[in-house]
Amino acid sequence: MTQALIISVGKSPEPIVARIAEHRPSFVVFFASEESIESIGSIKVRLEAQQIYLTNRNVMVGDPEDIESCYAKALECAEQGKFDDAMVRLYRALELGGQMALDQALGCGTDRVPVVRLPASLRDEYQRKYDHRDSPDFVQLPLEATYRLLEALDDPAGKRYASRAGEFKKVQFARNHSWLAHGLTPCQDETYDTLSSLVREILEIEPGPSFPKIEESA
């Protein structure tokens, strides 16, 4: 069972329902805009018809498919001390960056990667681990597998991710055990700072302005 999934809500609920039904996560974070937030109720109803009951959290963003929007909102949450919310938005920005890079490299999404386009060094492993729900001719890739594929394709973002993969795994452990991802330990600002630095480097995002913290007078 997948511990947690982060999913962007678009116009059609069917792909999301199928993905959740396949992975059976213990917790789901839905990224939604004002236009798509209403779809979450429909998604849950369809899953309950299959006796799948979700524990979820909804995260509102201006555009869940825009890296800058996700990153800017992460900075805003961090300034407010909401490090769990900020971490999820950073994670989504990194996921979206991988999706965009793979689309440029292979002309496909991470949810439907042709097996014939996979490098030989990854093909057997990916077919075994990430087989597609509808066809053996495709695989569907999570974040880490996406960046490993990008590295194998000689993509710069994939290489940058590989050089920091050890640090990312440590941050991912903290994120997976935060209360937002159905754990018990809230994320700390140090964890957020580490992930923010990783995301900026991997996606080559220019750091935003830093604001001094105002100390409250006694």
Protein backbone atom coordinates (compact mmCIF):
# COMPACT_ATOMS: atom_id res chain seq x y z
CA MET A 1 0.00 0.00 0.00
CA THR A 2 1.25 3.47 -0.88
CA GLN A 3 1.41 5.61 2.25
CA ALA A 4 0.46 8.89 0.61
CA LEU A 5 -0.35 10.30 -2.82
CA ILE A 6 -0.24 13.91 -3.99
CA ILE A 7 -2.67 14.40 -6.86
CA SER A 8 -3.62 17.39 -8.99
CA VAL A 9 -7.35 17.58 -9.65
CA GLY A 10 -8.24 18.40 -13.25
CA LYS A 11 -11.41 18.34 -15.27
CA SER A 12 -11.91 14.57 -15.40
CA PRO A 13 -12.19 12.47 -12.22
CA GLU A 14 -11.80 9.08 -13.95
CA PRO A 15 -7.95 8.96 -14.09
CA ILE A 16 -7.73 10.02 -10.44
CA VAL A 17 -10.27 7.40 -9.33
CA ALA A 18 -8.35 4.72 -11.23
CA ARG A 19 -5.00 5.79 -9.76
CA ILE A 20 -6.28 5.79 -6.18
CA ALA A 21 -8.08 2.47 -6.67
CA GLU A 22 -4.85 0.93 -7.91
CA HIS A 23 -2.47 2.26 -5.26
CA ARG A 24 -4.87 2.27 -2.27
CA PRO A 25 -3.01 5.05 -0.41
CA SER A 26 -3.59 5.59 3.29
CA PHE A 27 -3.68 9.36 2.74
CA VAL A 28 -4.28 11.64 -0.27
CA VAL A 29 -3.42 15.31 -0.73
CA PHE A 30 -5.53 16.85 -3.49
CA PHE A 31 -4.14 19.90 -5.28
CA ALA A 32 -7.09 21.82 -6.65
CA SER A 33 -8.02 25.20 -8.07
CA GLU A 34 -11.30 27.00 -7.47
CA GLU A 35 -12.58 25.48 -10.71
CA SER A 36 -11.67 21.88 -9.82
CA ILE A 37 -12.29 21.73 -6.07
CA GLU A 38 -15.87 20.54 -6.58
CA SER A 39 -14.60 17.41 -8.36
CA ILE A 40 -13.14 16.01 -5.14
CA GLY A 41 -16.59 15.13 -3.81
CA SER A 42 -17.37 13.21 -6.99
CA ILE A 43 -14.04 11.38 -6.78
CA LYS A 44 -14.74 10.25 -3.22
CA VAL A 45 -18.26 9.10 -4.08
CA ARG A 46 -16.94 6.96 -6.94
CA LEU A 47 -14.29 5.45 -4.70
CA GLU A 48 -16.78 4.71 -1.92
CA ALA A 49 -18.85 2.81 -4.48
CA GLN A 50 -15.78 0.54 -4.71
CA GLN A 51 -15.57 0.43 -0.90
CA ILE A 52 -12.48 2.66 -0.88
CA TYR A 53 -12.67 5.30 1.83
CA LEU A 54 -10.18 8.16 1.82
CA THR A 55 -8.46 10.20 4.45
CA ASN A 56 -7.54 13.33 2.55
CA ARG A 57 -6.53 16.96 2.71
CA ASN A 58 -7.34 19.55 0.05
CA VAL A 59 -4.71 22.13 -0.90
CA MET A 60 -5.91 25.13 -2.86
CA VAL A 61 -3.58 26.64 -5.46
CA GLY A 62 -4.10 29.14 -8.25
CA ASP A 63 -2.94 26.60 -10.83
CA PRO A 64 -1.86 23.11 -9.70
CA GLU A 65 -0.09 22.62 -13.04
CA ASP A 66 2.14 25.70 -12.69
CA ILE A 67 5.55 25.30 -11.06
CA GLU A 68 5.92 28.95 -10.17
CA SER A 69 2.47 29.01 -8.58
CA CYS A 70 3.27 25.97 -6.42
CA TYR A 71 6.67 27.33 -5.42
CA ALA A 72 5.39 30.81 -4.65
CA LYS A 73 2.64 29.37 -2.46
CA ALA A 74 5.23 27.23 -0.66
CA LEU A 75 7.22 30.37 0.19
CA GLU A 76 4.06 32.05 1.44
CA CYS A 77 3.19 29.10 3.68
CA ALA A 78 6.72 28.99 5.07
CA GLU A 79 6.60 32.69 5.94
CA GLN A 80 3.46 31.90 7.94
CA GLY A 81 5.14 29.00 9.71
CA LYS A 82 3.00 26.41 7.90
CA PHE A 83 5.89 24.15 7.01
CA ASP A 84 3.80 21.03 6.35
CA ASP A 85 1.74 22.87 3.73
CA ALA A 86 4.90 24.38 2.28
CA MET A 87 6.55 20.95 1.98
CA VAL A 88 3.63 19.49 0.04
CA ARG A 89 3.69 22.40 -2.41
CA LEU A 90 7.44 22.04 -2.92
CA TYR A 91 7.01 18.33 -3.53
CA ARG A 92 4.31 19.05 -6.12
CA ALA A 93 6.58 21.59 -7.84
CA LEU A 94 9.33 18.97 -8.08
CA GLU A 95 6.87 16.37 -9.36
CA LEU A 96 5.55 18.79 -11.97
CA GLY A 97 9.08 19.69 -13.06
CA GLY A 98 9.78 16.02 -13.71
CA GLN A 99 6.56 15.64 -15.68
CA MET A 100 7.39 18.62 -17.87
CA ALA A 101 10.96 17.46 -18.47
CA LEU A 102 9.78 13.98 -19.46
CA ASP A 103 7.20 15.44 -21.82
CA GLN A 104 9.98 17.41 -23.53
CA ALA A 105 12.29 14.38 -23.65
CA LEU A 106 9.84 11.67 -24.76
CA GLY A 107 6.62 13.48 -25.61
CA CYS A 108 4.58 11.63 -22.98
CA GLY A 109 3.29 11.99 -19.44
CA THR A 110 4.62 10.09 -16.44
CA ASP A 111 1.32 8.20 -16.24
CA ARG A 112 1.79 6.56 -19.66
CA VAL A 113 5.42 6.05 -20.66
CA PRO A 114 5.94 3.65 -23.60
CA VAL A 115 8.08 0.68 -22.58
CA VAL A 116 9.90 0.81 -25.92
CA ARG A 117 11.14 4.32 -25.08
CA LEU A 118 12.76 3.20 -21.82
CA PRO A 119 16.55 2.77 -21.80
CA ALA A 120 17.61 -0.87 -21.66
CA SER A 121 19.24 -0.29 -18.27
CA LEU A 122 15.85 0.50 -16.69
CA ARG A 123 13.37 -1.41 -18.84
CA ASP A 124 13.06 -4.69 -16.93
CA GLU A 125 13.02 -3.01 -13.53
CA TYR A 126 10.40 -0.44 -14.55
CA GLN A 127 8.15 -3.03 -16.18
CA ARG A 128 8.29 -5.07 -12.98
CA LYS A 129 7.72 -2.17 -10.56
CA TYR A 130 5.58 0.32 -12.48
CA ASP A 131 3.41 -1.69 -14.85
CA HIS A 132 0.48 0.27 -16.28
CA ARG A 133 -3.04 -0.58 -15.13
CA ASP A 134 -4.37 -0.75 -18.72
CA SER A 135 -1.55 -2.01 -20.92
CA PRO A 136 1.75 -3.92 -20.61
CA ASP A 137 3.14 -1.61 -23.29
CA PHE A 138 3.30 1.32 -20.85
CA VAL A 139 4.52 2.14 -17.35
CA GLN A 140 3.40 4.86 -14.95
CA LEU A 141 6.13 6.47 -12.90
CA PRO A 142 6.31 8.08 -9.47
CA LEU A 143 8.60 11.03 -8.79
CA GLU A 144 11.87 9.24 -8.03
CA ALA A 145 11.50 6.85 -10.97
CA THR A 146 10.78 9.82 -13.25
CA TYR A 147 14.01 11.55 -12.33
CA ARG A 148 16.02 8.32 -12.60
CA LEU A 149 14.65 7.97 -16.14
CA LEU A 150 15.53 11.58 -16.91
CA GLU A 151 19.08 10.95 -15.70
CA ALA A 152 19.33 7.90 -17.97
CA LEU A 153 18.11 10.09 -20.84
CA ASP A 154 20.94 12.54 -20.11
CA ASP A 155 18.48 15.24 -19.04
CA PRO A 156 20.06 18.04 -16.94
CA ALA A 157 17.26 18.00 -14.32
CA GLY A 158 17.69 14.25 -13.93
CA LYS A 159 21.42 14.67 -13.39
CA ARG A 160 20.86 17.42 -10.82
CA TYR A 161 18.36 15.23 -8.99
CA ALA A 162 20.77 12.27 -8.99
CA SER A 163 23.52 14.38 -7.45
CA ARG A 164 21.23 15.23 -4.50
CA ALA A 165 19.22 12.00 -4.30
CA GLY A 166 20.57 11.04 -0.87
CA GLU A 167 19.48 14.36 0.64
CA PHE A 168 16.08 14.10 -1.02
CA LYS A 169 15.45 10.66 0.50
CA LYS A 170 16.05 12.07 3.98
CA VAL A 171 13.63 14.93 3.32
CA GLN A 172 11.10 12.52 1.82
CA PHE A 173 11.22 10.43 4.99
CA ALA A 174 10.39 13.51 7.07
CA ARG A 175 7.57 14.46 4.70
CA ASN A 176 6.09 10.97 4.77
CA HIS A 177 6.03 11.03 8.57
CA SER A 178 4.53 14.48 8.93
CA TRP A 179 0.96 14.87 10.14
CA LEU A 180 -0.01 16.15 6.69
CA ALA A 181 1.02 12.87 5.10
CA HIS A 182 -0.75 10.79 7.74
CA GLY A 183 2.18 10.61 10.14
CA LEU A 184 2.71 11.96 13.64
CA THR A 185 5.71 14.27 13.40
CA PRO A 186 5.20 17.81 12.05
CA CYS A 187 7.75 19.10 9.57
CA GLN A 188 10.32 21.54 10.88
CA ASP A 189 11.65 24.67 9.24
CA GLU A 190 15.06 22.99 8.76
CA THR A 191 13.41 20.22 6.72
CA TYR A 192 11.55 22.81 4.65
CA ASP A 193 14.77 24.79 4.05
CA THR A 194 16.53 21.64 2.80
CA LEU A 195 13.75 20.70 0.40
CA SER A 196 13.38 24.29 -0.81
CA SER A 197 17.09 24.37 -1.63
CA LEU A 198 16.87 21.03 -3.44
CA VAL A 199 13.86 22.12 -5.51
CA ARG A 200 15.51 25.41 -6.47
CA GLU A 201 18.65 23.61 -7.60
CA ILE A 202 16.98 20.75 -9.46
CA LEU A 203 14.44 22.97 -11.25
CA GLU A 204 16.77 25.98 -11.49
CA ILE A 205 14.30 28.30 -9.80
CA GLU A 206 15.62 31.69 -8.78
CA PRO A 207 15.24 32.18 -5.00
CA GLY A 208 12.59 34.66 -3.99
CA PRO A 209 13.18 37.59 -1.67
CA SER A 210 13.82 36.80 1.96
CA PHE A 211 12.02 38.78 4.61
CA PRO A 212 13.42 39.49 8.06
CA LYS A 213 11.50 37.96 10.92
CA ILE A 214 10.00 40.50 13.26
CA GLU A 215 10.73 39.74 16.86
CA GLU A 216 7.76 40.31 19.16
CA SER A 217 8.48 42.68 21.97
CA ALA A 218 7.90 41.43 25.49
